[in-house]
Amino acid sequence: MTANKVNGVRAGLAYNDEVASLMRQHNNANVIAFGAKFMALEDILRRIDIFLKTPFEGGRHETRVNLISDVEKRQK
């Protein structure tokens, strides 16, 4: 939760494979987080691979990412 308080960081909790992909596609996440106590290592490694290979879709999602950046700029 603290990671998202840092300007420029867009972190998400990859609790399943679909979310690991959607974090990148829709929010251009640049940090992936896990609840290691609740996930097997093989699931974590697979989700890291999904996260790293998934591109940001841009388009309609770009507006949301830009809004986040605007809020960060006002916080400086």
N, C-alpha and C. Protein backbone atom coordinates (compact mmCIF):
# COMPACT_ATOMS: atom_id res chain seq x y z
N MET A 1 0.82 -1.19 0.00
CA MET A 1 0.00 0.00 0.00
C MET A 1 0.87 1.25 0.00
N THR A 2 1.99 1.19 0.65
CA THR A 2 2.87 2.35 0.74
C THR A 2 3.51 2.67 -0.60
N ALA A 3 3.77 1.68 -1.42
CA ALA A 3 4.43 1.91 -2.71
C ALA A 3 3.68 2.94 -3.54
N ASN A 4 2.37 2.92 -3.52
CA ASN A 4 1.58 3.86 -4.32
C ASN A 4 1.60 5.28 -3.79
N LYS A 5 2.22 5.51 -2.67
CA LYS A 5 2.39 6.87 -2.14
C LYS A 5 3.61 7.55 -2.76
N VAL A 6 4.44 6.78 -3.46
CA VAL A 6 5.65 7.32 -4.08
C VAL A 6 5.31 7.80 -5.49
N ASN A 7 5.65 9.05 -5.79
CA ASN A 7 5.36 9.60 -7.12
C ASN A 7 5.96 8.72 -8.20
N GLY A 8 5.16 8.43 -9.21
CA GLY A 8 5.61 7.64 -10.34
C GLY A 8 5.40 6.15 -10.20
N VAL A 9 5.04 5.71 -9.01
CA VAL A 9 4.82 4.28 -8.78
C VAL A 9 3.34 3.97 -8.95
N ARG A 10 3.08 2.93 -9.75
CA ARG A 10 1.72 2.41 -9.91
C ARG A 10 1.82 0.91 -9.61
N ALA A 11 1.55 0.56 -8.36
CA ALA A 11 1.69 -0.82 -7.89
C ALA A 11 0.34 -1.50 -7.82
N GLY A 12 0.36 -2.80 -8.03
CA GLY A 12 -0.85 -3.59 -7.90
C GLY A 12 -0.55 -4.94 -7.28
N LEU A 13 -1.56 -5.51 -6.66
CA LEU A 13 -1.45 -6.82 -6.03
C LEU A 13 -1.91 -7.88 -7.03
N ALA A 14 -0.99 -8.70 -7.49
CA ALA A 14 -1.29 -9.71 -8.50
C ALA A 14 -1.79 -10.98 -7.84
N TYR A 15 -3.04 -10.98 -7.44
CA TYR A 15 -3.59 -12.12 -6.72
C TYR A 15 -4.06 -13.24 -7.63
N ASN A 16 -4.08 -13.00 -8.95
CA ASN A 16 -4.31 -14.07 -9.91
C ASN A 16 -3.69 -13.68 -11.25
N ASP A 17 -3.68 -14.60 -12.20
CA ASP A 17 -3.03 -14.36 -13.49
C ASP A 17 -3.69 -13.22 -14.26
N GLU A 18 -5.00 -13.18 -14.26
CA GLU A 18 -5.72 -12.15 -15.01
C GLU A 18 -5.40 -10.76 -14.47
N VAL A 19 -5.36 -10.61 -13.18
CA VAL A 19 -5.04 -9.31 -12.58
C VAL A 19 -3.60 -8.91 -12.89
N ALA A 20 -2.69 -9.86 -12.90
CA ALA A 20 -1.29 -9.56 -13.25
C ALA A 20 -1.22 -8.94 -14.64
N SER A 21 -2.04 -9.41 -15.55
CA SER A 21 -2.09 -8.88 -16.90
C SER A 21 -2.83 -7.54 -16.96
N LEU A 22 -3.98 -7.47 -16.33
CA LEU A 22 -4.81 -6.26 -16.39
C LEU A 22 -4.15 -5.06 -15.72
N MET A 23 -3.34 -5.31 -14.68
CA MET A 23 -2.62 -4.20 -14.03
C MET A 23 -1.77 -3.46 -15.05
N ARG A 24 -1.12 -4.21 -15.93
CA ARG A 24 -0.27 -3.61 -16.97
C ARG A 24 -1.12 -3.03 -18.09
N GLN A 25 -2.07 -3.81 -18.59
CA GLN A 25 -2.88 -3.38 -19.73
C GLN A 25 -3.64 -2.10 -19.45
N HIS A 26 -4.27 -2.01 -18.31
CA HIS A 26 -5.20 -0.91 -18.03
C HIS A 26 -4.61 0.21 -17.19
N ASN A 27 -3.66 -0.09 -16.32
CA ASN A 27 -3.14 0.94 -15.40
C ASN A 27 -1.67 1.24 -15.60
N ASN A 28 -1.05 0.56 -16.55
CA ASN A 28 0.38 0.72 -16.81
C ASN A 28 1.18 0.59 -15.50
N ALA A 29 0.79 -0.41 -14.69
CA ALA A 29 1.49 -0.64 -13.42
C ALA A 29 2.96 -0.89 -13.68
N ASN A 30 3.81 -0.38 -12.77
CA ASN A 30 5.25 -0.59 -12.91
C ASN A 30 5.84 -1.28 -11.69
N VAL A 31 4.99 -1.68 -10.76
CA VAL A 31 5.41 -2.45 -9.59
C VAL A 31 4.37 -3.54 -9.36
N ILE A 32 4.84 -4.75 -9.14
CA ILE A 32 3.95 -5.88 -8.87
C ILE A 32 4.18 -6.33 -7.43
N ALA A 33 3.10 -6.61 -6.74
CA ALA A 33 3.19 -7.02 -5.34
C ALA A 33 2.45 -8.36 -5.15
N PHE A 34 2.85 -9.07 -4.10
CA PHE A 34 2.25 -10.38 -3.82
C PHE A 34 2.05 -10.54 -2.32
N GLY A 35 1.03 -11.30 -1.98
CA GLY A 35 0.86 -11.77 -0.61
C GLY A 35 1.51 -13.14 -0.53
N ALA A 36 2.81 -13.17 -0.32
CA ALA A 36 3.58 -14.41 -0.41
C ALA A 36 3.07 -15.51 0.51
N LYS A 37 2.51 -15.13 1.62
CA LYS A 37 1.99 -16.12 2.57
C LYS A 37 0.82 -16.91 1.96
N PHE A 38 0.18 -16.32 0.96
CA PHE A 38 -1.03 -16.91 0.40
C PHE A 38 -0.84 -17.43 -1.02
N MET A 39 0.41 -17.41 -1.53
CA MET A 39 0.66 -17.82 -2.91
C MET A 39 1.85 -18.77 -2.98
N ALA A 40 1.74 -19.71 -3.89
CA ALA A 40 2.86 -20.62 -4.14
C ALA A 40 3.90 -19.91 -5.00
N LEU A 41 5.15 -20.26 -4.81
CA LEU A 41 6.24 -19.64 -5.57
C LEU A 41 6.02 -19.78 -7.07
N GLU A 42 5.55 -20.94 -7.53
CA GLU A 42 5.33 -21.14 -8.97
C GLU A 42 4.27 -20.17 -9.50
N ASP A 43 3.25 -19.85 -8.72
CA ASP A 43 2.24 -18.87 -9.13
C ASP A 43 2.84 -17.47 -9.21
N ILE A 44 3.67 -17.13 -8.23
CA ILE A 44 4.32 -15.82 -8.21
C ILE A 44 5.22 -15.66 -9.44
N LEU A 45 6.03 -16.66 -9.73
CA LEU A 45 6.94 -16.58 -10.86
C LEU A 45 6.19 -16.47 -12.18
N ARG A 46 5.10 -17.21 -12.33
CA ARG A 46 4.27 -17.14 -13.54
C ARG A 46 3.67 -15.74 -13.69
N ARG A 47 3.20 -15.17 -12.59
CA ARG A 47 2.58 -13.84 -12.65
C ARG A 47 3.60 -12.75 -12.94
N ILE A 48 4.82 -12.91 -12.46
CA ILE A 48 5.87 -11.95 -12.81
C ILE A 48 6.11 -12.00 -14.32
N ASP A 49 6.18 -13.19 -14.88
CA ASP A 49 6.37 -13.35 -16.32
C ASP A 49 5.22 -12.71 -17.10
N ILE A 50 4.00 -12.95 -16.68
CA ILE A 50 2.83 -12.34 -17.33
C ILE A 50 2.94 -10.83 -17.26
N PHE A 51 3.23 -10.31 -16.09
CA PHE A 51 3.33 -8.86 -15.86
C PHE A 51 4.38 -8.24 -16.78
N LEU A 52 5.55 -8.84 -16.85
CA LEU A 52 6.65 -8.28 -17.65
C LEU A 52 6.39 -8.36 -19.15
N LYS A 53 5.62 -9.34 -19.59
CA LYS A 53 5.37 -9.52 -21.02
C LYS A 53 4.12 -8.79 -21.52
N THR A 54 3.33 -8.24 -20.61
CA THR A 54 2.08 -7.59 -21.00
C THR A 54 2.31 -6.11 -21.27
N PRO A 55 1.94 -5.64 -22.46
CA PRO A 55 2.10 -4.21 -22.77
C PRO A 55 0.91 -3.38 -22.26
N PHE A 56 1.16 -2.11 -22.06
CA PHE A 56 0.10 -1.16 -21.73
C PHE A 56 -0.73 -0.92 -22.99
N GLU A 57 -2.05 -0.96 -22.88
CA GLU A 57 -2.93 -0.79 -24.03
C GLU A 57 -3.06 0.67 -24.46
N GLY A 58 -2.86 1.60 -23.53
CA GLY A 58 -3.05 3.02 -23.87
C GLY A 58 -4.50 3.29 -24.17
N GLY A 59 -4.76 4.12 -25.19
CA GLY A 59 -6.14 4.42 -25.57
C GLY A 59 -6.94 5.00 -24.42
N ARG A 60 -8.12 4.43 -24.18
CA ARG A 60 -9.00 4.95 -23.13
C ARG A 60 -8.36 4.85 -21.74
N HIS A 61 -7.42 3.94 -21.58
CA HIS A 61 -6.75 3.77 -20.29
C HIS A 61 -5.72 4.87 -20.04
N GLU A 62 -5.24 5.47 -21.10
CA GLU A 62 -4.24 6.55 -20.99
C GLU A 62 -4.79 7.71 -20.16
N THR A 63 -6.08 7.99 -20.30
CA THR A 63 -6.72 9.08 -19.55
C THR A 63 -6.57 8.85 -18.05
N ARG A 64 -6.82 7.63 -17.59
CA ARG A 64 -6.73 7.30 -16.17
C ARG A 64 -5.30 7.46 -15.66
N VAL A 65 -4.35 6.95 -16.42
CA VAL A 65 -2.94 7.04 -16.01
C VAL A 65 -2.51 8.50 -15.95
N ASN A 66 -2.97 9.30 -16.90
CA ASN A 66 -2.64 10.73 -16.89
C ASN A 66 -3.26 11.43 -15.69
N LEU A 67 -4.46 11.05 -15.30
CA LEU A 67 -5.09 11.63 -14.10
C LEU A 67 -4.28 11.32 -12.85
N ILE A 68 -3.78 10.11 -12.76
CA ILE A 68 -2.93 9.73 -11.63
C ILE A 68 -1.67 10.60 -11.62
N SER A 69 -1.05 10.78 -12.77
CA SER A 69 0.15 11.61 -12.89
C SER A 69 -0.13 13.05 -12.49
N ASP A 70 -1.29 13.56 -12.89
CA ASP A 70 -1.67 14.94 -12.54
C ASP A 70 -1.79 15.11 -11.03
N VAL A 71 -2.38 14.13 -10.35
CA VAL A 71 -2.49 14.19 -8.89
C VAL A 71 -1.11 14.18 -8.26
N GLU A 72 -0.21 13.35 -8.78
CA GLU A 72 1.15 13.28 -8.26
C GLU A 72 1.86 14.63 -8.40
N LYS A 73 1.69 15.27 -9.53
CA LYS A 73 2.33 16.57 -9.76
C LYS A 73 1.85 17.62 -8.78
N ARG A 74 0.58 17.57 -8.41
CA ARG A 74 0.03 18.55 -7.46
C ARG A 74 0.51 18.28 -6.04
N GLN A 75 0.96 17.06 -5.75
CA GLN A 75 1.42 16.69 -4.41
C GLN A 75 2.85 17.10 -4.12
N LYS A 76 3.59 17.50 -5.14
CA LYS A 76 5.01 17.87 -4.94
C LYS A 76 5.15 19.15 -4.19
